[in-house]
Amino acid sequence: MERTLVLVKPDGVQRGLIGEVVSRLERRGLKLAAMKFMQMDRAKAEEHYGEHVDRPFFGGLVGFITSGPLVAMVWEADGAVEIVRNTMGTTNPKDSPLGTIRGDLAVNIGRNLVHGSDSPESAQREIALFFQPGEILDYARSNDSWIIEP
């Protein structure tokens, strides 16, 4: 089972969209394995966005993600990274199809509500930034047999 990190960014929290994001991922069939409501500090933000350190928008990313509380979550499913990214829509909401989180709820690339890991390798690194192994739960849902083929 693959795991991925999802963040409801400060704009999503301020707009009251935490439940909407969780609901869409649950309805898609993903299983929530961990969740935290938190304020990201600058050091964690710089590590999280480290791949963009030399880009001109790096400071803005760090400033925004640390500007207010966020929700960090671990979701799992076969192919969780791809499923989450398809459910979120493209980074630029203007290019995101209707029916996606960003396509339905966002209008600006700098305020695009959510972050999702872009690969299984990134997911492992990002999950470790936000969660200790004991904070991620492994459990069975009563409806798993209706979602997951054996």
C-alpha atoms as a PDB file:
ATOM      1  CA  MET A   1       0.000   0.000   0.000  1.00  0.00           C
ATOM      2  CA  GLU A   2       1.443   3.368  -1.040  1.00  0.00           C
ATOM      3  CA  ARG A   3       1.338   6.421   1.225  1.00  0.00           C
ATOM      4  CA  THR A   4       1.421  10.104   0.355  1.00  0.00           C
ATOM      5  CA  LEU A   5       1.482  13.416   2.175  1.00  0.00           C
ATOM      6  CA  VAL A   6      -1.283  15.965   1.747  1.00  0.00           C
ATOM      7  CA  LEU A   7      -1.232  19.444   3.260  1.00  0.00           C
ATOM      8  CA  VAL A   8      -4.237  21.712   3.503  1.00  0.00           C
ATOM      9  CA  LYS A   9      -2.305  24.955   3.249  1.00  0.00           C
ATOM     10  CA  PRO A  10      -3.030  28.079   5.303  1.00  0.00           C
ATOM     11  CA  ASP A  11      -5.426  29.443   2.647  1.00  0.00           C
ATOM     12  CA  GLY A  12      -7.488  26.240   2.785  1.00  0.00           C
ATOM     13  CA  VAL A  13      -7.606  26.388   6.581  1.00  0.00           C
ATOM     14  CA  GLN A  14      -8.591  30.073   6.608  1.00  0.00           C
ATOM     15  CA  ARG A  15     -11.323  29.437   4.035  1.00  0.00           C
ATOM     16  CA  GLY A  16     -12.798  26.571   6.078  1.00  0.00           C
ATOM     17  CA  LEU A  17     -12.042  23.903   3.460  1.00  0.00           C
ATOM     18  CA  ILE A  18     -10.371  21.237   5.633  1.00  0.00           C
ATOM     19  CA  GLY A  19     -13.511  19.106   5.694  1.00  0.00           C
ATOM     20  CA  GLU A  20     -14.046  19.495   1.948  1.00  0.00           C
ATOM     21  CA  VAL A  21     -10.524  18.271   1.190  1.00  0.00           C
ATOM     22  CA  VAL A  22     -10.805  15.336   3.614  1.00  0.00           C
ATOM     23  CA  SER A  23     -14.231  14.443   2.266  1.00  0.00           C
ATOM     24  CA  ARG A  24     -13.086  14.398  -1.349  1.00  0.00           C
ATOM     25  CA  LEU A  25     -10.125  12.143  -0.540  1.00  0.00           C
ATOM     26  CA  GLU A  26     -12.295   9.809   1.543  1.00  0.00           C
ATOM     27  CA  ARG A  27     -14.969   9.628  -1.159  1.00  0.00           C
ATOM     28  CA  ARG A  28     -12.250   8.788  -3.659  1.00  0.00           C
ATOM     29  CA  GLY A  29     -11.481   5.684  -1.571  1.00  0.00           C
ATOM     30  CA  LEU A  30      -8.191   6.735   0.030  1.00  0.00           C
ATOM     31  CA  LYS A  31      -7.615   5.804   3.663  1.00  0.00           C
ATOM     32  CA  LEU A  32      -6.504   8.401   6.205  1.00  0.00           C
ATOM     33  CA  ALA A  33      -3.525   7.099   8.197  1.00  0.00           C
ATOM     34  CA  ALA A  34      -2.435  10.258  10.091  1.00  0.00           C
ATOM     35  CA  MET A  35      -3.494  13.873  10.604  1.00  0.00           C
ATOM     36  CA  LYS A  36      -2.077  16.914  12.442  1.00  0.00           C
ATOM     37  CA  PHE A  37      -3.246  20.504  12.802  1.00  0.00           C
ATOM     38  CA  MET A  38      -0.082  22.556  13.119  1.00  0.00           C
ATOM     39  CA  GLN A  39       1.893  25.682  12.406  1.00  0.00           C
ATOM     40  CA  MET A  40       4.942  24.992  10.219  1.00  0.00           C
ATOM     41  CA  ASP A  41       8.129  26.727  11.314  1.00  0.00           C
ATOM     42  CA  ARG A  42      10.599  28.305   8.910  1.00  0.00           C
ATOM     43  CA  ALA A  43      13.223  25.534   9.216  1.00  0.00           C
ATOM     44  CA  LYS A  44      10.719  22.800   8.339  1.00  0.00           C
ATOM     45  CA  ALA A  45       9.325  24.906   5.476  1.00  0.00           C
ATOM     46  CA  GLU A  46      12.793  25.458   4.022  1.00  0.00           C
ATOM     47  CA  GLU A  47      13.492  21.723   4.218  1.00  0.00           C
ATOM     48  CA  HIS A  48      10.085  20.843   2.745  1.00  0.00           C
ATOM     49  CA  TYR A  49      10.582  23.201  -0.218  1.00  0.00           C
ATOM     50  CA  GLY A  50      14.356  22.599  -0.451  1.00  0.00           C
ATOM     51  CA  GLU A  51      14.206  21.574  -4.119  1.00  0.00           C
ATOM     52  CA  HIS A  52      13.092  25.140  -4.948  1.00  0.00           C
ATOM     53  CA  VAL A  53      15.767  26.957  -2.901  1.00  0.00           C
ATOM     54  CA  ASP A  54      17.382  28.580  -5.964  1.00  0.00           C
ATOM     55  CA  ARG A  55      14.123  29.650  -7.571  1.00  0.00           C
ATOM     56  CA  PRO A  56      12.864  33.221  -7.277  1.00  0.00           C
ATOM     57  CA  PHE A  57       9.583  32.138  -5.658  1.00  0.00           C
ATOM     58  CA  PHE A  58      11.248  30.188  -2.799  1.00  0.00           C
ATOM     59  CA  GLY A  59      10.923  33.011  -0.264  1.00  0.00           C
ATOM     60  CA  GLY A  60       7.262  33.445  -1.101  1.00  0.00           C
ATOM     61  CA  LEU A  61       6.578  29.726  -0.689  1.00  0.00           C
ATOM     62  CA  VAL A  62       8.244  29.641   2.712  1.00  0.00           C
ATOM     63  CA  GLY A  63       6.554  32.848   3.820  1.00  0.00           C
ATOM     64  CA  PHE A  64       3.117  31.636   2.782  1.00  0.00           C
ATOM     65  CA  ILE A  65       3.290  28.112   4.205  1.00  0.00           C
ATOM     66  CA  THR A  66       4.399  29.523   7.574  1.00  0.00           C
ATOM     67  CA  SER A  67       1.781  32.313   7.582  1.00  0.00           C
ATOM     68  CA  GLY A  68      -0.911  30.337   9.405  1.00  0.00           C
ATOM     69  CA  PRO A  69      -1.957  26.900  10.564  1.00  0.00           C
ATOM     70  CA  LEU A  70      -2.149  23.966   8.166  1.00  0.00           C
ATOM     71  CA  VAL A  71      -3.327  20.378   8.250  1.00  0.00           C
ATOM     72  CA  ALA A  72      -0.798  17.647   7.466  1.00  0.00           C
ATOM     73  CA  MET A  73      -2.158  14.220   6.534  1.00  0.00           C
ATOM     74  CA  VAL A  74      -0.964  10.834   5.379  1.00  0.00           C
ATOM     75  CA  TRP A  75      -3.272   9.041   2.957  1.00  0.00           C
ATOM     76  CA  GLU A  76      -2.860   5.539   1.599  1.00  0.00           C
ATOM     77  CA  ALA A  77      -4.068   3.443  -1.314  1.00  0.00           C
ATOM     78  CA  ASP A  78      -2.599   1.497  -4.188  1.00  0.00           C
ATOM     79  CA  GLY A  79      -1.207   4.320  -6.312  1.00  0.00           C
ATOM     80  CA  ALA A  80      -1.980   6.933  -3.633  1.00  0.00           C
ATOM     81  CA  VAL A  81       0.381   9.592  -5.052  1.00  0.00           C
ATOM     82  CA  GLU A  82      -1.218   9.581  -8.496  1.00  0.00           C
ATOM     83  CA  ILE A  83      -4.774   9.349  -7.139  1.00  0.00           C
ATOM     84  CA  VAL A  84      -4.235  12.306  -4.807  1.00  0.00           C
ATOM     85  CA  ARG A  85      -2.600  14.414  -7.511  1.00  0.00           C
ATOM     86  CA  ASN A  86      -5.482  13.696  -9.907  1.00  0.00           C
ATOM     87  CA  THR A  87      -7.994  14.580  -7.183  1.00  0.00           C
ATOM     88  CA  MET A  88      -6.184  17.844  -6.367  1.00  0.00           C
ATOM     89  CA  GLY A  89      -5.781  18.997  -9.967  1.00  0.00           C
ATOM     90  CA  THR A  90      -2.797  20.758 -11.505  1.00  0.00           C
ATOM     91  CA  THR A  91      -0.666  23.212  -9.539  1.00  0.00           C
ATOM     92  CA  ASN A  92      -2.167  26.144 -11.410  1.00  0.00           C
ATOM     93  CA  PRO A  93      -5.904  26.165 -10.656  1.00  0.00           C
ATOM     94  CA  LYS A  94      -6.598  27.912 -13.985  1.00  0.00           C
ATOM     95  CA  ASP A  95      -5.470  24.709 -15.715  1.00  0.00           C
ATOM     96  CA  SER A  96      -7.224  22.311 -13.314  1.00  0.00           C
ATOM     97  CA  PRO A  97     -10.339  20.585 -14.574  1.00  0.00           C
ATOM     98  CA  LEU A  98     -13.639  21.136 -12.829  1.00  0.00           C
ATOM     99  CA  GLY A  99     -14.248  18.319 -10.384  1.00  0.00           C
ATOM    100  CA  THR A 100     -10.775  18.633  -8.880  1.00  0.00           C
ATOM    101  CA  ILE A 101     -10.089  20.405  -5.583  1.00  0.00           C
ATOM    102  CA  ARG A 102      -8.123  23.198  -7.237  1.00  0.00           C
ATOM    103  CA  GLY A 103     -10.378  23.368 -10.303  1.00  0.00           C
ATOM    104  CA  ASP A 104     -13.468  23.839  -8.158  1.00  0.00           C
ATOM    105  CA  LEU A 105     -12.126  25.884  -5.251  1.00  0.00           C
ATOM    106  CA  ALA A 106      -9.005  27.866  -6.208  1.00  0.00           C
ATOM    107  CA  VAL A 107      -8.174  30.602  -8.704  1.00  0.00           C
ATOM    108  CA  ASN A 108      -4.517  31.512  -8.083  1.00  0.00           C
ATOM    109  CA  ILE A 109      -1.346  29.410  -8.275  1.00  0.00           C
ATOM    110  CA  GLY A 110      -0.006  31.036  -5.100  1.00  0.00           C
ATOM    111  CA  ARG A 111      -3.172  30.189  -3.167  1.00  0.00           C
ATOM    112  CA  ASN A 112      -3.942  26.715  -4.480  1.00  0.00           C
ATOM    113  CA  LEU A 113      -5.189  25.242  -1.178  1.00  0.00           C
ATOM    114  CA  VAL A 114      -3.355  21.914  -1.055  1.00  0.00           C
ATOM    115  CA  HIS A 115      -0.004  20.226  -1.443  1.00  0.00           C
ATOM    116  CA  GLY A 116       0.453  16.605  -2.433  1.00  0.00           C
ATOM    117  CA  SER A 117       3.660  14.627  -2.843  1.00  0.00           C
ATOM    118  CA  ASP A 118       4.740  14.367  -6.484  1.00  0.00           C
ATOM    119  CA  SER A 119       6.281  10.876  -6.348  1.00  0.00           C
ATOM    120  CA  PRO A 120       6.483   7.891  -3.998  1.00  0.00           C
ATOM    121  CA  GLU A 121      10.060   8.913  -3.136  1.00  0.00           C
ATOM    122  CA  SER A 122       9.006  12.488  -2.295  1.00  0.00           C
ATOM    123  CA  ALA A 123       6.112  11.102  -0.272  1.00  0.00           C
ATOM    124  CA  GLN A 124       8.454   9.075   1.942  1.00  0.00           C
ATOM    125  CA  ARG A 125      10.715  12.087   2.514  1.00  0.00           C
ATOM    126  CA  GLU A 126       7.831  14.486   3.156  1.00  0.00           C
ATOM    127  CA  ILE A 127       5.927  12.141   5.457  1.00  0.00           C
ATOM    128  CA  ALA A 128       9.065  11.768   7.586  1.00  0.00           C
ATOM    129  CA  LEU A 129       9.249  15.573   7.919  1.00  0.00           C
ATOM    130  CA  PHE A 130       5.797  15.759   9.487  1.00  0.00           C
ATOM    131  CA  PHE A 131       5.184  12.429  11.224  1.00  0.00           C
ATOM    132  CA  GLN A 132       6.999   9.993  13.476  1.00  0.00           C
ATOM    133  CA  PRO A 133       6.399   6.321  12.541  1.00  0.00           C
ATOM    134  CA  GLY A 134       4.229   5.756  15.641  1.00  0.00           C
ATOM    135  CA  GLU A 135       1.883   8.564  14.579  1.00  0.00           C
ATOM    136  CA  ILE A 136       0.864   6.774  11.377  1.00  0.00           C
ATOM    137  CA  LEU A 137      -1.856   4.211  11.984  1.00  0.00           C
ATOM    138  CA  ASP A 138      -2.266   0.903  10.210  1.00  0.00           C
ATOM    139  CA  TYR A 139      -5.839  -0.328  10.489  1.00  0.00           C
ATOM    140  CA  ALA A 140      -8.566  -2.024   8.488  1.00  0.00           C
ATOM    141  CA  ARG A 141     -11.770  -0.279   7.474  1.00  0.00           C
ATOM    142  CA  SER A 142     -15.005  -2.232   7.319  1.00  0.00           C
ATOM    143  CA  ASN A 143     -15.547  -1.101   3.718  1.00  0.00           C
ATOM    144  CA  ASP A 144     -12.046  -1.903   2.413  1.00  0.00           C
ATOM    145  CA  SER A 145     -13.317  -4.978   0.580  1.00  0.00           C
ATOM    146  CA  TRP A 146     -15.648  -2.703  -1.411  1.00  0.00           C
ATOM    147  CA  ILE A 147     -12.785  -0.387  -2.397  1.00  0.00           C
ATOM    148  CA  ILE A 148      -9.698  -2.613  -2.708  1.00  0.00           C
ATOM    149  CA  GLU A 149      -9.465  -5.817  -4.710  1.00  0.00           C
ATOM    150  CA  PRO A 150      -7.776  -8.688  -2.833  1.00  0.00           C
END
